[in-house]
């Protein structure tokens, strides 16, 4: 009868057969035992059956793939990124002058006292008109900020739109 050397790993859960003539350096951390080839085959069949049964008991899709529900939502990546950066510079200039944010971090243009009436949009529209007038006169750069009048115009328009959407309840903090 042929003899197989089997190396136990852990609590006897996993076994790796090693033939008499195989190098055992890779198994130096285990304690080998001697069993017959038939018992080794039976042991390997049993382990394979347990592994197979465990694999079958796992769900086919154990972790659901994240779903993105984008239907009906605005595709914000369509807004030109360089234009957004230009508007952001104008907003930073406004922030440096104390126009925003309010005491709790809310942008000044959304504070209740300044948001409640449609007439309060007038100051933003008048600012936009001043930048349009300067552009029409051939002046491209705002002398106070050093930024383009067109960027100020876009920022004013975005603020008026943001205020409108906020009042409609589309955006809530």
C-alpha atoms as a PDB file:
ATOM      1  CA  UNK A   1       0.000   0.000   0.000  1.00  0.00           C
ATOM      2  CA  UNK A   2       1.314   3.464  -0.943  1.00  0.00           C
ATOM      3  CA  UNK A   3       1.581   6.047   1.785  1.00  0.00           C
ATOM      4  CA  UNK A   4       0.787   9.753   1.387  1.00  0.00           C
ATOM      5  CA  UNK A   5       2.021  12.451   3.733  1.00  0.00           C
ATOM      6  CA  UNK A   6      -0.757  14.952   4.539  1.00  0.00           C
ATOM      7  CA  UNK A   7      -0.010  18.290   6.154  1.00  0.00           C
ATOM      8  CA  UNK A   8      -2.691  19.694   8.429  1.00  0.00           C
ATOM      9  CA  UNK A   9      -3.414  23.401   8.328  1.00  0.00           C
ATOM     10  CA  UNK A  10      -5.264  25.181  11.115  1.00  0.00           C
ATOM     11  CA  UNK A  11      -7.731  22.894  12.899  1.00  0.00           C
ATOM     12  CA  UNK A  12      -7.569  20.107  10.357  1.00  0.00           C
ATOM     13  CA  UNK A  13      -9.918  22.002   8.046  1.00  0.00           C
ATOM     14  CA  UNK A  14      -7.658  22.164   5.012  1.00  0.00           C
ATOM     15  CA  UNK A  15      -5.190  19.471   3.988  1.00  0.00           C
ATOM     16  CA  UNK A  16      -2.652  19.339   1.200  1.00  0.00           C
ATOM     17  CA  UNK A  17      -1.384  15.932   0.104  1.00  0.00           C
ATOM     18  CA  UNK A  18       2.331  15.500  -0.423  1.00  0.00           C
ATOM     19  CA  UNK A  19       3.689  12.369  -2.105  1.00  0.00           C
ATOM     20  CA  UNK A  20       6.681  10.645  -0.536  1.00  0.00           C
ATOM     21  CA  UNK A  21       9.031  11.955  -3.200  1.00  0.00           C
ATOM     22  CA  UNK A  22       7.705  15.591  -3.174  1.00  0.00           C
ATOM     23  CA  UNK A  23       9.786  18.323  -1.521  1.00  0.00           C
ATOM     24  CA  UNK A  24       8.231  19.324   1.788  1.00  0.00           C
ATOM     25  CA  UNK A  25       9.984  22.676   2.303  1.00  0.00           C
ATOM     26  CA  UNK A  26       6.768  24.530   1.445  1.00  0.00           C
ATOM     27  CA  UNK A  27       5.006  22.739   4.302  1.00  0.00           C
ATOM     28  CA  UNK A  28       7.653  23.248   6.967  1.00  0.00           C
ATOM     29  CA  UNK A  29       5.159  25.138   9.149  1.00  0.00           C
ATOM     30  CA  UNK A  30       2.819  22.128   9.492  1.00  0.00           C
ATOM     31  CA  UNK A  31       2.980  18.768  11.215  1.00  0.00           C
ATOM     32  CA  UNK A  32       2.645  15.915   8.702  1.00  0.00           C
ATOM     33  CA  UNK A  33       0.758  12.692   9.356  1.00  0.00           C
ATOM     34  CA  UNK A  34       0.916   9.417   7.387  1.00  0.00           C
ATOM     35  CA  UNK A  35      -2.265   7.985   5.836  1.00  0.00           C
ATOM     36  CA  UNK A  36      -2.988   5.607   2.990  1.00  0.00           C
ATOM     37  CA  UNK A  37      -3.517   6.911  -0.548  1.00  0.00           C
ATOM     38  CA  UNK A  38      -7.163   5.780  -0.408  1.00  0.00           C
ATOM     39  CA  UNK A  39      -7.718   7.787   2.818  1.00  0.00           C
ATOM     40  CA  UNK A  40      -5.930  10.772   1.296  1.00  0.00           C
ATOM     41  CA  UNK A  41      -8.181  10.609  -1.761  1.00  0.00           C
ATOM     42  CA  UNK A  42     -11.245  10.320   0.476  1.00  0.00           C
ATOM     43  CA  UNK A  43     -10.058  13.257   2.562  1.00  0.00           C
ATOM     44  CA  UNK A  44      -9.492  15.390  -0.528  1.00  0.00           C
ATOM     45  CA  UNK A  45     -12.888  14.406  -1.946  1.00  0.00           C
ATOM     46  CA  UNK A  46     -14.536  15.377   1.347  1.00  0.00           C
ATOM     47  CA  UNK A  47     -12.795  18.749   1.436  1.00  0.00           C
ATOM     48  CA  UNK A  48     -13.641  19.414  -2.212  1.00  0.00           C
ATOM     49  CA  UNK A  49     -17.303  18.523  -1.544  1.00  0.00           C
ATOM     50  CA  UNK A  50     -17.428  20.920   1.440  1.00  0.00           C
ATOM     51  CA  UNK A  51     -15.863  23.737  -0.564  1.00  0.00           C
ATOM     52  CA  UNK A  52     -18.273  23.078  -3.423  1.00  0.00           C
ATOM     53  CA  UNK A  53     -21.264  23.033  -1.056  1.00  0.00           C
ATOM     54  CA  UNK A  54     -20.118  26.293   0.526  1.00  0.00           C
ATOM     55  CA  UNK A  55     -19.742  27.896  -2.916  1.00  0.00           C
ATOM     56  CA  UNK A  56     -23.247  26.740  -3.903  1.00  0.00           C
ATOM     57  CA  UNK A  57     -24.726  28.224  -0.727  1.00  0.00           C
ATOM     58  CA  UNK A  58     -23.418  31.703  -1.567  1.00  0.00           C
ATOM     59  CA  UNK A  59     -25.835  34.003  -3.378  1.00  0.00           C
ATOM     60  CA  UNK A  60     -25.073  34.519  -7.051  1.00  0.00           C
ATOM     61  CA  UNK A  61     -24.910  38.307  -6.604  1.00  0.00           C
ATOM     62  CA  UNK A  62     -23.839  38.750  -2.973  1.00  0.00           C
ATOM     63  CA  UNK A  63     -23.363  42.518  -3.166  1.00  0.00           C
ATOM     64  CA  UNK A  64     -25.800  44.508  -5.289  1.00  0.00           C
ATOM     65  CA  UNK A  65     -24.213  46.901  -7.721  1.00  0.00           C
ATOM     66  CA  UNK A  66     -24.889  50.536  -6.890  1.00  0.00           C
ATOM     67  CA  UNK A  67     -27.803  51.875  -8.908  1.00  0.00           C
ATOM     68  CA  UNK A  68     -27.678  55.374 -10.323  1.00  0.00           C
ATOM     69  CA  UNK A  69     -31.126  56.831 -10.841  1.00  0.00           C
ATOM     70  CA  UNK A  70     -30.316  59.718 -13.162  1.00  0.00           C
ATOM     71  CA  UNK A  71     -33.504  59.805 -15.194  1.00  0.00           C
ATOM     72  CA  UNK A  72     -35.089  63.246 -15.048  1.00  0.00           C
ATOM     73  CA  UNK A  73     -32.142  64.825 -13.223  1.00  0.00           C
ATOM     74  CA  UNK A  74     -30.140  67.660 -14.755  1.00  0.00           C
ATOM     75  CA  UNK A  75     -26.878  66.659 -16.400  1.00  0.00           C
ATOM     76  CA  UNK A  76     -24.599  69.074 -14.565  1.00  0.00           C
ATOM     77  CA  UNK A  77     -21.559  67.996 -16.543  1.00  0.00           C
ATOM     78  CA  UNK A  78     -23.068  69.835 -19.504  1.00  0.00           C
ATOM     79  CA  UNK A  79     -22.411  73.168 -17.756  1.00  0.00           C
ATOM     80  CA  UNK A  80     -19.082  74.413 -19.115  1.00  0.00           C
ATOM     81  CA  UNK A  81     -16.459  73.877 -16.388  1.00  0.00           C
ATOM     82  CA  UNK A  82     -14.299  76.878 -17.341  1.00  0.00           C
ATOM     83  CA  UNK A  83     -17.344  79.142 -17.122  1.00  0.00           C
ATOM     84  CA  UNK A  84     -18.139  77.710 -13.678  1.00  0.00           C
ATOM     85  CA  UNK A  85     -14.576  78.501 -12.604  1.00  0.00           C
ATOM     86  CA  UNK A  86     -14.941  82.083 -13.854  1.00  0.00           C
ATOM     87  CA  UNK A  87     -18.174  82.534 -11.905  1.00  0.00           C
ATOM     88  CA  UNK A  88     -16.501  81.013  -8.839  1.00  0.00           C
ATOM     89  CA  UNK A  89     -13.759  83.675  -9.015  1.00  0.00           C
ATOM     90  CA  UNK A  90     -16.420  86.393  -9.046  1.00  0.00           C
ATOM     91  CA  UNK A  91     -18.131  84.737  -6.062  1.00  0.00           C
ATOM     92  CA  UNK A  92     -14.782  84.628  -4.218  1.00  0.00           C
ATOM     93  CA  UNK A  93     -14.389  88.352  -4.894  1.00  0.00           C
ATOM     94  CA  UNK A  94     -17.877  88.942  -3.496  1.00  0.00           C
ATOM     95  CA  UNK A  95     -17.004  86.861  -0.449  1.00  0.00           C
ATOM     96  CA  UNK A  96     -13.881  88.973   0.147  1.00  0.00           C
ATOM     97  CA  UNK A  97     -16.103  92.072   0.191  1.00  0.00           C
ATOM     98  CA  UNK A  98     -18.401  90.517   2.786  1.00  0.00           C
ATOM     99  CA  UNK A  99     -21.314  89.782   0.460  1.00  0.00           C
ATOM    100  CA  UNK A 100     -21.366  86.151   1.523  1.00  0.00           C
ATOM    101  CA  UNK A 101     -21.715  83.898   3.392  1.00  0.00           C
ATOM    102  CA  UNK A 102     -24.163  84.800   6.116  1.00  0.00           C
ATOM    103  CA  UNK A 103     -23.663  84.015   9.818  1.00  0.00           C
ATOM    104  CA  UNK A 104     -24.587  80.318   9.518  1.00  0.00           C
ATOM    105  CA  UNK A 105     -22.713  79.780   6.265  1.00  0.00           C
ATOM    106  CA  UNK A 106     -25.778  80.410   4.110  1.00  0.00           C
ATOM    107  CA  UNK A 107     -24.909  82.600   1.134  1.00  0.00           C
ATOM    108  CA  UNK A 108     -25.911  86.182   1.785  1.00  0.00           C
ATOM    109  CA  UNK A 109     -28.223  86.204  -1.231  1.00  0.00           C
ATOM    110  CA  UNK A 110     -30.318  83.417   0.357  1.00  0.00           C
ATOM    111  CA  UNK A 111     -30.752  85.001   3.798  1.00  0.00           C
ATOM    112  CA  UNK A 112     -34.443  85.386   4.733  1.00  0.00           C
ATOM    113  CA  UNK A 113     -34.474  89.183   4.920  1.00  0.00           C
ATOM    114  CA  UNK A 114     -32.971  89.409   1.462  1.00  0.00           C
ATOM    115  CA  UNK A 115     -34.896  86.529  -0.092  1.00  0.00           C
ATOM    116  CA  UNK A 116     -38.504  87.093   0.851  1.00  0.00           C
ATOM    117  CA  UNK A 117     -39.490  89.465  -1.922  1.00  0.00           C
ATOM    118  CA  UNK A 118     -39.090  89.382  -5.666  1.00  0.00           C
ATOM    119  CA  UNK A 119     -38.111  93.072  -5.460  1.00  0.00           C
ATOM    120  CA  UNK A 120     -34.927  91.998  -3.692  1.00  0.00           C
ATOM    121  CA  UNK A 121     -33.833  90.428  -6.984  1.00  0.00           C
ATOM    122  CA  UNK A 122     -33.743  93.949  -8.394  1.00  0.00           C
ATOM    123  CA  UNK A 123     -30.320  94.743  -6.917  1.00  0.00           C
ATOM    124  CA  UNK A 124     -28.818  91.676  -8.610  1.00  0.00           C
ATOM    125  CA  UNK A 125     -30.508  92.516 -11.901  1.00  0.00           C
ATOM    126  CA  UNK A 126     -29.294  96.125 -11.629  1.00  0.00           C
ATOM    127  CA  UNK A 127     -25.760  94.843 -11.063  1.00  0.00           C
ATOM    128  CA  UNK A 128     -26.097  92.656 -14.170  1.00  0.00           C
ATOM    129  CA  UNK A 129     -27.335  95.703 -16.112  1.00  0.00           C
ATOM    130  CA  UNK A 130     -24.292  97.743 -15.018  1.00  0.00           C
ATOM    131  CA  UNK A 131     -21.981  95.018 -16.326  1.00  0.00           C
ATOM    132  CA  UNK A 132     -23.939  94.848 -19.613  1.00  0.00           C
ATOM    133  CA  UNK A 133     -23.639  98.634 -19.975  1.00  0.00           C
ATOM    134  CA  UNK A 134     -19.876  98.492 -19.352  1.00  0.00           C
ATOM    135  CA  UNK A 135     -19.508  95.711 -21.942  1.00  0.00           C
ATOM    136  CA  UNK A 136     -21.565  97.703 -24.469  1.00  0.00           C
ATOM    137  CA  UNK A 137     -19.248 100.671 -23.881  1.00  0.00           C
ATOM    138  CA  UNK A 138     -16.252  98.481 -24.759  1.00  0.00           C
ATOM    139  CA  UNK A 139     -14.985  97.881 -21.226  1.00  0.00           C
ATOM    140  CA  UNK A 140     -14.235  94.168 -20.772  1.00  0.00           C
ATOM    141  CA  UNK A 141     -12.638  94.151 -17.298  1.00  0.00           C
ATOM    142  CA  UNK A 142     -14.357  95.372 -14.143  1.00  0.00           C
ATOM    143  CA  UNK A 143     -12.005  97.971 -12.620  1.00  0.00           C
ATOM    144  CA  UNK A 144     -12.933  97.114  -9.018  1.00  0.00           C
ATOM    145  CA  UNK A 145     -12.381  93.336  -9.159  1.00  0.00           C
ATOM    146  CA  UNK A 146     -10.044  93.024 -12.129  1.00  0.00           C
ATOM    147  CA  UNK A 147     -12.332  90.265 -13.431  1.00  0.00           C
ATOM    148  CA  UNK A 148     -14.245  90.263 -16.734  1.00  0.00           C
ATOM    149  CA  UNK A 149     -17.626  92.014 -16.776  1.00  0.00           C
ATOM    150  CA  UNK A 150     -19.054  88.961 -18.548  1.00  0.00           C
ATOM    151  CA  UNK A 151     -18.073  86.769 -15.569  1.00  0.00           C
ATOM    152  CA  UNK A 152     -19.839  89.206 -13.211  1.00  0.00           C
ATOM    153  CA  UNK A 153     -22.889  89.114 -15.472  1.00  0.00           C
ATOM    154  CA  UNK A 154     -22.963  85.302 -15.369  1.00  0.00           C
ATOM    155  CA  UNK A 155     -22.589  85.332 -11.561  1.00  0.00           C
ATOM    156  CA  UNK A 156     -25.479  87.799 -11.213  1.00  0.00           C
ATOM    157  CA  UNK A 157     -27.669  85.656 -13.457  1.00  0.00           C
ATOM    158  CA  UNK A 158     -26.810  82.510 -11.500  1.00  0.00           C
ATOM    159  CA  UNK A 159     -27.636  84.206  -8.197  1.00  0.00           C
ATOM    160  CA  UNK A 160     -31.049  85.346  -9.485  1.00  0.00           C
ATOM    161  CA  UNK A 161     -31.757  81.818 -10.759  1.00  0.00           C
ATOM    162  CA  UNK A 162     -30.617  80.282  -7.452  1.00  0.00           C
ATOM    163  CA  UNK A 163     -32.908  82.620  -5.511  1.00  0.00           C
ATOM    164  CA  UNK A 164     -35.853  81.752  -7.778  1.00  0.00           C
ATOM    165  CA  UNK A 165     -35.272  78.007  -7.345  1.00  0.00           C
ATOM    166  CA  UNK A 166     -34.828  78.410  -3.589  1.00  0.00           C
ATOM    167  CA  UNK A 167     -38.141  80.244  -3.306  1.00  0.00           C
ATOM    168  CA  UNK A 168     -39.853  77.463  -5.315  1.00  0.00           C
ATOM    169  CA  UNK A 169     -38.538  74.938  -2.822  1.00  0.00           C
ATOM    170  CA  UNK A 170     -36.393  73.165  -5.406  1.00  0.00           C
ATOM    171  CA  UNK A 171     -33.333  73.650  -3.246  1.00  0.00           C
ATOM    172  CA  UNK A 172     -33.326  73.420   0.503  1.00  0.00           C
ATOM    173  CA  UNK A 173     -30.253  73.422   2.689  1.00  0.00           C
END
